PDB file of N, CA and C in Angstrom:
ATOM      1  N   MET A   1       0.818  -1.183   0.000  1.00  0.00           N
ATOM      2  CA  MET A   1       0.000   0.000   0.000  1.00  0.00           C
ATOM      3  C   MET A   1       0.867   1.255   0.000  1.00  0.00           C
ATOM      4  N   ILE A   2       1.977   1.218   0.690  1.00  0.00           N
ATOM      5  CA  ILE A   2       2.833   2.404   0.733  1.00  0.00           C
ATOM      6  C   ILE A   2       3.404   2.690  -0.643  1.00  0.00           C
ATOM      7  N   ASN A   3       3.789   1.649  -1.356  1.00  0.00           N
ATOM      8  CA  ASN A   3       4.348   1.849  -2.681  1.00  0.00           C
ATOM      9  C   ASN A   3       3.312   2.461  -3.614  1.00  0.00           C
ATOM     10  N   THR A   4       2.069   2.040  -3.533  1.00  0.00           N
ATOM     11  CA  THR A   4       1.051   2.581  -4.429  1.00  0.00           C
ATOM     12  C   THR A   4       0.659   4.006  -4.068  1.00  0.00           C
ATOM     13  N   SER A   5       0.830   4.388  -2.819  1.00  0.00           N
ATOM     14  CA  SER A   5       0.441   5.749  -2.451  1.00  0.00           C
ATOM     15  C   SER A   5       1.384   6.793  -3.032  1.00  0.00           C
ATOM     16  N   PHE A   6       2.584   6.392  -3.385  1.00  0.00           N
ATOM     17  CA  PHE A   6       3.528   7.328  -3.987  1.00  0.00           C
ATOM     18  C   PHE A   6       3.631   7.140  -5.493  1.00  0.00           C
ATOM     19  N   ASP A   7       2.814   6.291  -6.050  1.00  0.00           N
ATOM     20  CA  ASP A   7       2.866   6.002  -7.471  1.00  0.00           C
ATOM     21  C   ASP A   7       2.180   7.120  -8.255  1.00  0.00           C
ATOM     22  N   VAL A   8       2.687   7.365  -9.443  1.00  0.00           N
ATOM     23  CA  VAL A   8       2.118   8.411 -10.298  1.00  0.00           C
ATOM     24  C   VAL A   8       0.734   8.003 -10.802  1.00  0.00           C
ATOM     25  N   ALA A   9       0.462   6.720 -10.854  1.00  0.00           N
ATOM     26  CA  ALA A   9      -0.821   6.249 -11.389  1.00  0.00           C
ATOM     27  C   ALA A   9      -1.999   6.713 -10.540  1.00  0.00           C
ATOM     28  N   LEU A  10      -1.783   7.021  -9.286  1.00  0.00           N
ATOM     29  CA  LEU A  10      -2.892   7.461  -8.438  1.00  0.00           C
ATOM     30  C   LEU A  10      -3.373   8.863  -8.779  1.00  0.00           C
ATOM     31  N   GLU A  11      -2.645   9.548  -9.614  1.00  0.00           N
ATOM     32  CA  GLU A  11      -3.100  10.862 -10.054  1.00  0.00           C
ATOM     33  C   GLU A  11      -4.227  10.735 -11.073  1.00  0.00           C
ATOM     34  N   ALA A  12      -4.343   9.575 -11.695  1.00  0.00           N
ATOM     35  CA  ALA A  12      -5.418   9.346 -12.657  1.00  0.00           C
ATOM     36  C   ALA A  12      -6.709   9.048 -11.901  1.00  0.00           C
ATOM     37  N   PRO A  13      -7.837   9.517 -12.406  1.00  0.00           N
ATOM     38  CA  PRO A  13      -9.091   9.304 -11.683  1.00  0.00           C
ATOM     39  C   PRO A  13      -9.490   7.835 -11.544  1.00  0.00           C
ATOM     40  N   MET A  14      -9.080   6.987 -12.501  1.00  0.00           N
ATOM     41  CA  MET A  14      -9.510   5.592 -12.453  1.00  0.00           C
ATOM     42  C   MET A  14      -8.983   4.881 -11.212  1.00  0.00           C
ATOM     43  N   GLN A  15      -7.809   5.205 -10.761  1.00  0.00           N
ATOM     44  CA  GLN A  15      -7.233   4.534  -9.601  1.00  0.00           C
ATOM     45  C   GLN A  15      -7.288   5.402  -8.353  1.00  0.00           C
ATOM     46  N   GLY A  16      -7.229   6.690  -8.513  1.00  0.00           N
ATOM     47  CA  GLY A  16      -7.258   7.583  -7.361  1.00  0.00           C
ATOM     48  C   GLY A  16      -8.576   7.552  -6.610  1.00  0.00           C
ATOM     49  N   VAL A  17      -9.676   7.393  -7.337  1.00  0.00           N
ATOM     50  CA  VAL A  17     -10.994   7.346  -6.703  1.00  0.00           C
ATOM     51  C   VAL A  17     -11.104   6.118  -5.811  1.00  0.00           C
ATOM     52  N   TRP A  18     -10.654   4.969  -6.299  1.00  0.00           N
ATOM     53  CA  TRP A  18     -10.712   3.743  -5.491  1.00  0.00           C
ATOM     54  C   TRP A  18      -9.813   3.847  -4.269  1.00  0.00           C
ATOM     55  N   PHE A  19      -8.643   4.422  -4.454  1.00  0.00           N
ATOM     56  CA  PHE A  19      -7.695   4.570  -3.342  1.00  0.00           C
ATOM     57  C   PHE A  19      -8.289   5.458  -2.248  1.00  0.00           C
ATOM     58  N   CYS A  20      -8.815   6.603  -2.630  1.00  0.00           N
ATOM     59  CA  CYS A  20      -9.386   7.530  -1.642  1.00  0.00           C
ATOM     60  C   CYS A  20     -10.663   6.962  -1.023  1.00  0.00           C
ATOM     61  N   SER A  21     -11.456   6.258  -1.808  1.00  0.00           N
ATOM     62  CA  SER A  21     -12.679   5.654  -1.272  1.00  0.00           C
ATOM     63  C   SER A  21     -12.365   4.579  -0.247  1.00  0.00           C
ATOM     64  N   LEU A  22     -11.352   3.778  -0.522  1.00  0.00           N
ATOM     65  CA  LEU A  22     -10.978   2.707   0.404  1.00  0.00           C
ATOM     66  C   LEU A  22     -10.503   3.276   1.734  1.00  0.00           C
ATOM     67  N   PHE A  23      -9.635   4.259   1.685  1.00  0.00           N
ATOM     68  CA  PHE A  23      -9.148   4.859   2.925  1.00  0.00           C
ATOM     69  C   PHE A  23     -10.241   5.659   3.630  1.00  0.00           C
ATOM     70  N   GLY A  24     -11.096   6.335   2.884  1.00  0.00           N
ATOM     71  CA  GLY A  24     -12.201   7.069   3.492  1.00  0.00           C
ATOM     72  C   GLY A  24     -13.186   6.148   4.183  1.00  0.00           C
ATOM     73  N   PHE A  25     -13.474   5.011   3.567  1.00  0.00           N
ATOM     74  CA  PHE A  25     -14.364   4.034   4.183  1.00  0.00           C
ATOM     75  C   PHE A  25     -13.757   3.489   5.472  1.00  0.00           C
ATOM     76  N   GLY A  26     -12.460   3.220   5.461  1.00  0.00           N
ATOM     77  CA  GLY A  26     -11.786   2.724   6.665  1.00  0.00           C
ATOM     78  C   GLY A  26     -11.787   3.738   7.788  1.00  0.00           C
ATOM     79  N   ILE A  27     -11.531   4.986   7.460  1.00  0.00           N
ATOM     80  CA  ILE A  27     -11.530   6.042   8.480  1.00  0.00           C
ATOM     81  C   ILE A  27     -12.942   6.243   9.034  1.00  0.00           C
ATOM     82  N   GLY A  28     -13.937   6.263   8.155  1.00  0.00           N
ATOM     83  CA  GLY A  28     -15.320   6.423   8.605  1.00  0.00           C
ATOM     84  C   GLY A  28     -15.786   5.276   9.483  1.00  0.00           C
ATOM     85  N   THR A  29     -15.416   4.062   9.115  1.00  0.00           N
ATOM     86  CA  THR A  29     -15.778   2.897   9.918  1.00  0.00           C
ATOM     87  C   THR A  29     -15.147   2.966  11.296  1.00  0.00           C
ATOM     88  N   THR A  30     -13.897   3.394  11.355  1.00  0.00           N
ATOM     89  CA  THR A  30     -13.213   3.529  12.644  1.00  0.00           C
ATOM     90  C   THR A  30     -13.882   4.589  13.507  1.00  0.00           C
ATOM     91  N   MET A  31     -14.290   5.700  12.906  1.00  0.00           N
ATOM     92  CA  MET A  31     -14.957   6.757  13.666  1.00  0.00           C
ATOM     93  C   MET A  31     -16.294   6.272  14.229  1.00  0.00           C
ATOM     94  N   ILE A  32     -17.065   5.549  13.428  1.00  0.00           N
ATOM     95  CA  ILE A  32     -18.350   5.034  13.899  1.00  0.00           C
ATOM     96  C   ILE A  32     -18.141   4.020  15.012  1.00  0.00           C
ATOM     97  N   TYR A  33     -17.151   3.154  14.858  1.00  0.00           N
ATOM     98  CA  TYR A  33     -16.883   2.139  15.881  1.00  0.00           C
ATOM     99  C   TYR A  33     -16.503   2.791  17.208  1.00  0.00           C
ATOM    100  N   ARG A  34     -15.627   3.778  17.156  1.00  0.00           N
ATOM    101  CA  ARG A  34     -15.209   4.449  18.394  1.00  0.00           C
ATOM    102  C   ARG A  34     -16.372   5.197  19.040  1.00  0.00           C
ATOM    103  N   TYR A  35     -17.233   5.802  18.242  1.00  0.00           N
ATOM    104  CA  TYR A  35     -18.397   6.507  18.775  1.00  0.00           C
ATOM    105  C   TYR A  35     -19.345   5.530  19.468  1.00  0.00           C
ATOM    106  N   MET A  36     -19.650   4.432  18.788  1.00  0.00           N
ATOM    107  CA  MET A  36     -20.585   3.459  19.346  1.00  0.00           C
ATOM    108  C   MET A  36     -20.007   2.780  20.581  1.00  0.00           C
ATOM    109  N   GLU A  37     -18.716   2.504  20.565  1.00  0.00           N
ATOM    110  CA  GLU A  37     -18.078   1.844  21.698  1.00  0.00           C
ATOM    111  C   GLU A  37     -18.039   2.766  22.914  1.00  0.00           C
ATOM    112  N   GLY A  38     -17.772   4.045  22.705  1.00  0.00           N
ATOM    113  CA  GLY A  38     -17.707   4.998  23.802  1.00  0.00           C
ATOM    114  C   GLY A  38     -19.055   5.255  24.446  1.00  0.00           C
ATOM    115  N   ARG A  39     -20.120   5.141  23.673  1.00  0.00           N
ATOM    116  CA  ARG A  39     -21.469   5.369  24.192  1.00  0.00           C
ATOM    117  C   ARG A  39     -22.075   4.119  24.820  1.00  0.00           C
ATOM    118  N   GLY A  40     -21.419   3.002  24.678  1.00  0.00           N
ATOM    119  CA  GLY A  40     -21.950   1.753  25.220  1.00  0.00           C
ATOM    120  C   GLY A  40     -23.136   1.228  24.438  1.00  0.00           C
ATOM    121  N   LEU A  41     -23.216   1.565  23.158  1.00  0.00           N
ATOM    122  CA  LEU A  41     -24.354   1.137  22.347  1.00  0.00           C
ATOM    123  C   LEU A  41     -24.211  -0.295  21.853  1.00  0.00           C
ATOM    124  N   TRP A  42     -22.999  -0.812  21.880  1.00  0.00           N
ATOM    125  CA  TRP A  42     -22.770  -2.190  21.453  1.00  0.00           C
ATOM    126  C   TRP A  42     -22.492  -3.031  22.677  1.00  0.00           C
ATOM    127  N   ARG A  43     -23.519  -3.558  23.237  1.00  0.00           N
ATOM    128  CA  ARG A  43     -23.365  -4.421  24.402  1.00  0.00           C
ATOM    129  C   ARG A  43     -23.707  -5.845  23.994  1.00  0.00           C
ATOM    130  N   ALA A  44     -22.993  -6.763  24.547  1.00  0.00           N
ATOM    131  CA  ALA A  44     -23.274  -8.165  24.269  1.00  0.00           C
ATOM    132  C   ALA A  44     -24.567  -8.565  24.970  1.00  0.00           C
ATOM    133  N   PRO A  45     -25.353  -9.405  24.349  1.00  0.00           N
ATOM    134  CA  PRO A  45     -26.581  -9.854  25.010  1.00  0.00           C
ATOM    135  C   PRO A  45     -26.233 -10.680  26.245  1.00  0.00           C
ATOM    136  N   PRO A  46     -27.118 -10.690  27.225  1.00  0.00           N
ATOM    137  CA  PRO A  46     -26.814 -11.469  28.427  1.00  0.00           C
ATOM    138  C   PRO A  46     -26.668 -12.945  28.078  1.00  0.00           C
ATOM    139  N   SER A  47     -25.650 -13.545  28.627  1.00  0.00           N
ATOM    140  CA  SER A  47     -25.399 -14.949  28.306  1.00  0.00           C
ATOM    141  C   SER A  47     -26.304 -15.852  29.138  1.00  0.00           C
ATOM    142  N   ARG A  48     -26.637 -16.958  28.564  1.00  0.00           N
ATOM    143  CA  ARG A  48     -27.467 -17.932  29.265  1.00  0.00           C
ATOM    144  C   ARG A  48     -26.568 -18.952  29.942  1.00  0.00           C
ATOM    145  N   GLU A  49     -27.102 -19.551  30.962  1.00  0.00           N
ATOM    146  CA  GLU A  49     -26.367 -20.601  31.665  1.00  0.00           C
ATOM    147  C   GLU A  49     -26.277 -21.830  30.758  1.00  0.00           C
ATOM    148  N   PRO A  50     -25.119 -22.443  30.646  1.00  0.00           N
ATOM    149  CA  PRO A  50     -25.039 -23.661  29.830  1.00  0.00           C
ATOM    150  C   PRO A  50     -25.789 -24.811  30.502  1.00  0.00           C
ATOM    151  N   LEU A  51     -26.374 -25.638  29.689  1.00  0.00           N
ATOM    152  CA  LEU A  51     -27.108 -26.789  30.218  1.00  0.00           C
ATOM    153  C   LEU A  51     -26.128 -27.834  30.738  1.00  0.00           C
ATOM    154  N   PRO A  52     -26.456 -28.470  31.838  1.00  0.00           N
ATOM    155  CA  PRO A  52     -25.592 -29.556  32.300  1.00  0.00           C
ATOM    156  C   PRO A  52     -25.658 -30.738  31.334  1.00  0.00           C
ATOM    157  N   ALA A  53     -24.636 -31.548  31.326  1.00  0.00           N
ATOM    158  CA  ALA A  53     -24.563 -32.674  30.395  1.00  0.00           C
ATOM    159  C   ALA A  53     -25.702 -33.660  30.610  1.00  0.00           C
ATOM    160  N   SER A  54     -26.194 -33.790  31.833  1.00  0.00           N
ATOM    161  CA  SER A  54     -27.275 -34.746  32.101  1.00  0.00           C
ATOM    162  C   SER A  54     -28.620 -34.262  31.551  1.00  0.00           C
ATOM    163  N   ALA A  55     -28.763 -32.983  31.281  1.00  0.00           N
ATOM    164  CA  ALA A  55     -30.029 -32.435  30.799  1.00  0.00           C
ATOM    165  C   ALA A  55     -30.172 -32.545  29.287  1.00  0.00           C
ATOM    166  N   ARG A  56     -29.142 -32.921  28.603  1.00  0.00           N
ATOM    167  CA  ARG A  56     -29.197 -32.986  27.133  1.00  0.00           C
ATOM    168  C   ARG A  56     -29.812 -34.223  26.633  1.00  0.00           C
TER     169      ARG A  56
END
């Protein structure tokens, strides 16, 4: 990825759009994850007690 970021080909719209979109999507996803995690909006559901082997 580092080699392609300094490549002249990224100046062309055909490849530059994909490059910027990929990094923008990654940055946006990270921002949403940090926001949701900080607010406690992603909580695991309460776990159930496992059944004993004799009950199966």
